Amino acid sequence: MDATSTGKTKLSIDVAKVIGGKVINADKMQIFAGLDITTNKVSIHDRCGIPHHLIGAVSTTTCDFPVRNLMPVIVGGSNSLIHGLLVDYFDSLLANPFTLANYWPSLRFQCCFLWIHANELVLNEYLNHRVDDMVDVGLLKELKDYFDASSNFVEQTRLGKAIGVKESYCDAIAEMKDNTQALAKAQNAKIHHMVDVWG
């Protein structure tokens, strides 16, 4: 786990190869179908034959993880999803468990956490390059097509929260870079809290 763009996906695939596992996505934007560039979904090719779950589709059967007898490698920047999956008791009334000093939930599973920590200045420079690369491979066309399709209204209400969707065209790139950097900073704050709680 770590902030966006630190190499979690590549590491999760490498770990899954070594342990004979599968990857379970814990990115709350990548769960939804569509906007593959905007949400930076890992391509089929880059998955290297490793089974991946919860990427691009949400359904009642998705949580069943049909490939059995493989160790799950959970990867993603949505630490709230990881938290909800791992804690013994999930209190849905807590607005943000990462801000509570006396919140020490027990874990449901024995876990190994891998945290890829990147220097903030280096990460911010990489994030800026990633946004530029997303634009180069078709981000704007993807967003135009997405909003032109009137049948996607339900998905738009969910995916509309993805960074890069609601920013205006004139300031989109600069705002997208700022928002992505802010997301990375917030993700790191949550991870620091998880480290304090679970070691």
Protein backbone atom coordinates (compact mmCIF):
# COMPACT_ATOMS: atom_id res chain seq x y z
CA MET A 1 0.00 0.00 0.00
CA ASP A 2 1.02 3.59 -0.52
CA ALA A 3 0.05 6.73 -2.32
CA THR A 4 -0.92 6.77 -5.97
CA SER A 5 1.83 6.16 -8.55
CA THR A 6 4.42 4.53 -6.30
CA GLY A 7 4.55 1.16 -8.06
CA LYS A 8 2.06 -0.82 -5.95
CA THR A 9 0.52 -2.61 -8.93
CA LYS A 10 3.86 -3.78 -10.33
CA LEU A 11 4.96 -4.93 -6.87
CA SER A 12 1.66 -6.77 -6.30
CA ILE A 13 2.09 -8.65 -9.59
CA ASP A 14 5.68 -9.56 -8.68
CA VAL A 15 4.60 -10.75 -5.21
CA ALA A 16 1.70 -12.76 -6.66
CA LYS A 17 4.12 -14.47 -9.07
CA VAL A 18 6.44 -15.45 -6.21
CA ILE A 19 3.76 -16.73 -3.82
CA GLY A 20 1.43 -18.20 -6.46
CA GLY A 21 -1.23 -15.62 -5.68
CA LYS A 22 -3.83 -13.38 -7.26
CA VAL A 23 -4.29 -9.62 -7.10
CA ILE A 24 -7.37 -8.04 -5.54
CA ASN A 25 -7.84 -4.40 -6.45
CA ALA A 26 -8.47 -1.97 -3.60
CA ASP A 27 -8.84 1.19 -5.66
CA LYS A 28 -12.37 2.52 -5.35
CA MET A 29 -12.30 4.18 -8.79
CA GLN A 30 -10.80 1.22 -10.67
CA ILE A 31 -13.64 -1.00 -9.46
CA PHE A 32 -16.01 0.59 -11.96
CA ALA A 33 -16.08 -0.22 -15.68
CA GLY A 34 -14.92 2.55 -18.00
CA LEU A 35 -12.43 5.40 -17.86
CA ASP A 36 -9.47 3.02 -17.96
CA ILE A 37 -6.97 5.81 -18.69
CA THR A 38 -8.44 8.25 -16.18
CA THR A 39 -8.43 5.70 -13.36
CA ASN A 40 -5.09 4.23 -14.52
CA LYS A 41 -6.24 0.60 -14.64
CA VAL A 42 -3.55 -2.02 -15.19
CA SER A 43 -3.76 -3.42 -18.73
CA ILE A 44 -4.34 -7.10 -19.46
CA HIS A 45 -0.81 -7.29 -20.88
CA ASP A 46 0.76 -5.75 -17.77
CA ARG A 47 -1.06 -8.24 -15.52
CA CYS A 48 1.41 -10.90 -16.74
CA GLY A 49 -1.17 -13.69 -16.54
CA ILE A 50 -1.82 -13.09 -12.84
CA PRO A 51 -5.56 -13.23 -11.99
CA HIS A 52 -6.91 -9.79 -11.02
CA HIS A 53 -10.22 -9.10 -9.29
CA LEU A 54 -12.36 -5.99 -8.80
CA ILE A 55 -10.96 -4.12 -11.80
CA GLY A 56 -13.52 -2.66 -14.18
CA ALA A 57 -16.69 -4.29 -12.88
CA VAL A 58 -18.78 -4.31 -9.72
CA SER A 59 -21.34 -7.05 -9.22
CA THR A 60 -22.68 -9.20 -6.42
CA THR A 61 -20.60 -12.15 -7.61
CA THR A 62 -17.34 -10.23 -7.93
CA CYS A 63 -16.63 -10.58 -4.23
CA ASP A 64 -16.63 -14.36 -4.58
CA PHE A 65 -13.17 -14.32 -6.24
CA PRO A 66 -13.66 -17.38 -8.47
CA VAL A 67 -10.01 -18.49 -8.58
CA ARG A 68 -9.52 -20.65 -5.49
CA ASN A 69 -6.44 -21.78 -3.59
CA LEU A 70 -4.43 -18.66 -4.40
CA MET A 71 -3.09 -16.26 -1.79
CA PRO A 72 -4.73 -12.83 -2.21
CA VAL A 73 -2.46 -9.84 -2.79
CA ILE A 74 -4.56 -6.76 -2.13
CA VAL A 75 -3.31 -3.63 -3.87
CA GLY A 76 -4.63 -0.12 -4.18
CA GLY A 77 -4.57 3.36 -2.81
CA SER A 78 -8.07 3.31 -1.31
CA ASN A 79 -6.96 2.58 2.22
CA SER A 80 -10.55 2.79 3.45
CA LEU A 81 -11.37 -0.30 1.35
CA ILE A 82 -8.32 -2.14 2.68
CA HIS A 83 -9.30 -1.15 6.23
CA GLY A 84 -12.88 -2.39 5.75
CA LEU A 85 -11.68 -5.70 4.37
CA LEU A 86 -9.16 -6.40 7.11
CA VAL A 87 -10.67 -5.26 10.41
CA ASP A 88 -12.48 -7.76 12.60
CA TYR A 89 -15.38 -5.38 13.16
CA PHE A 90 -16.16 -2.61 10.70
CA ASP A 91 -18.09 0.30 12.19
CA SER A 92 -19.90 1.87 9.23
CA LEU A 93 -20.89 4.85 11.39
CA LEU A 94 -17.29 6.04 11.65
CA ALA A 95 -16.85 8.83 9.13
CA ASN A 96 -13.06 8.48 9.02
CA PRO A 97 -11.42 5.89 11.28
CA PHE A 98 -7.98 7.19 10.27
CA THR A 99 -8.46 10.35 12.33
CA LEU A 100 -9.38 8.66 15.62
CA ALA A 101 -6.49 8.48 18.08
CA ASN A 102 -8.03 5.73 20.25
CA TYR A 103 -9.24 3.50 17.41
CA TRP A 104 -7.32 0.22 17.50
CA PRO A 105 -9.34 -2.47 15.66
CA SER A 106 -8.13 -6.05 15.56
CA LEU A 107 -7.42 -7.70 12.23
CA ARG A 108 -9.49 -10.56 10.78
CA PHE A 109 -6.50 -12.07 9.01
CA GLN A 110 -2.81 -12.51 9.52
CA CYS A 111 -1.32 -9.97 7.10
CA CYS A 112 1.92 -8.71 5.68
CA PHE A 113 1.78 -5.02 4.73
CA LEU A 114 4.18 -3.69 2.13
CA TRP A 115 4.42 0.08 2.02
CA ILE A 116 6.22 1.70 -0.89
CA HIS A 117 7.24 5.06 0.49
CA ALA A 118 8.40 7.69 -2.00
CA ASN A 119 9.98 11.06 -1.32
CA GLU A 120 7.23 13.67 -1.75
CA LEU A 121 9.18 15.82 -4.25
CA VAL A 122 10.12 12.81 -6.37
CA LEU A 123 6.56 11.47 -6.21
CA ASN A 124 5.06 14.83 -7.20
CA GLU A 125 7.35 15.06 -10.23
CA TYR A 126 6.38 11.51 -11.24
CA LEU A 127 2.69 12.29 -10.75
CA ASN A 128 2.98 15.30 -13.05
CA HIS A 129 4.61 13.12 -15.73
CA ARG A 130 1.91 10.49 -15.29
CA VAL A 131 -0.84 13.04 -15.89
CA ASP A 132 0.96 14.23 -19.03
CA ASP A 133 1.26 10.61 -20.21
CA MET A 134 -2.46 10.03 -19.56
CA VAL A 135 -3.27 13.04 -21.73
CA ASP A 136 -0.92 11.74 -24.44
CA VAL A 137 -2.63 8.33 -24.60
CA GLY A 138 -6.15 9.71 -24.88
CA LEU A 139 -7.47 10.98 -21.55
CA LEU A 140 -9.41 13.88 -23.06
CA LYS A 141 -11.02 11.71 -25.76
CA GLU A 142 -11.94 9.11 -23.14
CA LEU A 143 -13.62 11.76 -21.00
CA LYS A 144 -15.42 13.31 -23.99
CA ASP A 145 -16.74 9.89 -25.06
CA TYR A 146 -17.75 9.14 -21.48
CA PHE A 147 -19.82 12.29 -21.09
CA ASP A 148 -21.26 12.06 -24.62
CA ALA A 149 -22.80 8.68 -23.77
CA SER A 150 -26.07 9.53 -22.02
CA SER A 151 -26.63 5.91 -21.02
CA ASN A 152 -23.80 6.04 -18.48
CA PHE A 153 -25.58 8.37 -16.05
CA VAL A 154 -25.46 5.96 -13.09
CA GLU A 155 -21.77 5.20 -13.59
CA GLN A 156 -21.02 8.88 -14.11
CA THR A 157 -22.29 9.66 -10.65
CA ARG A 158 -19.71 7.27 -9.19
CA LEU A 159 -16.84 7.65 -11.63
CA GLY A 160 -17.48 11.38 -11.68
CA LYS A 161 -15.48 11.51 -8.45
CA ALA A 162 -12.31 10.26 -10.16
CA ILE A 163 -9.59 12.88 -10.37
CA GLY A 164 -9.55 14.35 -13.86
CA VAL A 165 -13.26 13.98 -14.59
CA LYS A 166 -14.72 17.22 -13.27
CA GLU A 167 -11.83 19.63 -13.78
CA SER A 168 -12.48 22.25 -16.51
CA TYR A 169 -10.54 21.98 -19.76
CA CYS A 170 -8.59 25.27 -19.40
CA ASP A 171 -7.17 24.41 -15.99
CA ALA A 172 -7.63 20.65 -16.17
CA ILE A 173 -4.02 19.53 -16.37
CA ALA A 174 -2.70 21.82 -13.62
CA GLU A 175 -5.68 21.11 -11.37
CA MET A 176 -5.43 17.37 -12.05
CA LYS A 177 -1.76 17.41 -11.02
CA ASP A 178 -2.53 19.38 -7.84
CA ASN A 179 -5.44 17.07 -6.96
CA THR A 180 -3.36 13.95 -7.59
CA GLN A 181 -0.60 15.28 -5.33
CA ALA A 182 -3.16 16.09 -2.62
CA LEU A 183 -4.56 12.55 -2.93
CA ALA A 184 -1.08 11.07 -2.51
CA LYS A 185 -0.52 13.17 0.62
CA ALA A 186 -3.86 12.09 2.13
CA GLN A 187 -3.14 8.44 1.31
CA ASN A 188 0.22 8.65 3.08
CA ALA A 189 -1.45 10.16 6.16
CA LYS A 190 -3.86 7.20 6.32
CA ILE A 191 -1.00 4.73 5.91
CA HIS A 192 0.94 6.38 8.75
CA HIS A 193 -2.15 5.91 10.94
CA MET A 194 -2.43 2.23 9.92
CA VAL A 195 1.25 1.72 10.75
CA ASP A 196 0.70 3.30 14.16
CA VAL A 197 -2.31 1.03 14.78
CA TRP A 198 -1.09 -2.29 13.38
CA GLY A 199 2.67 -1.87 13.38
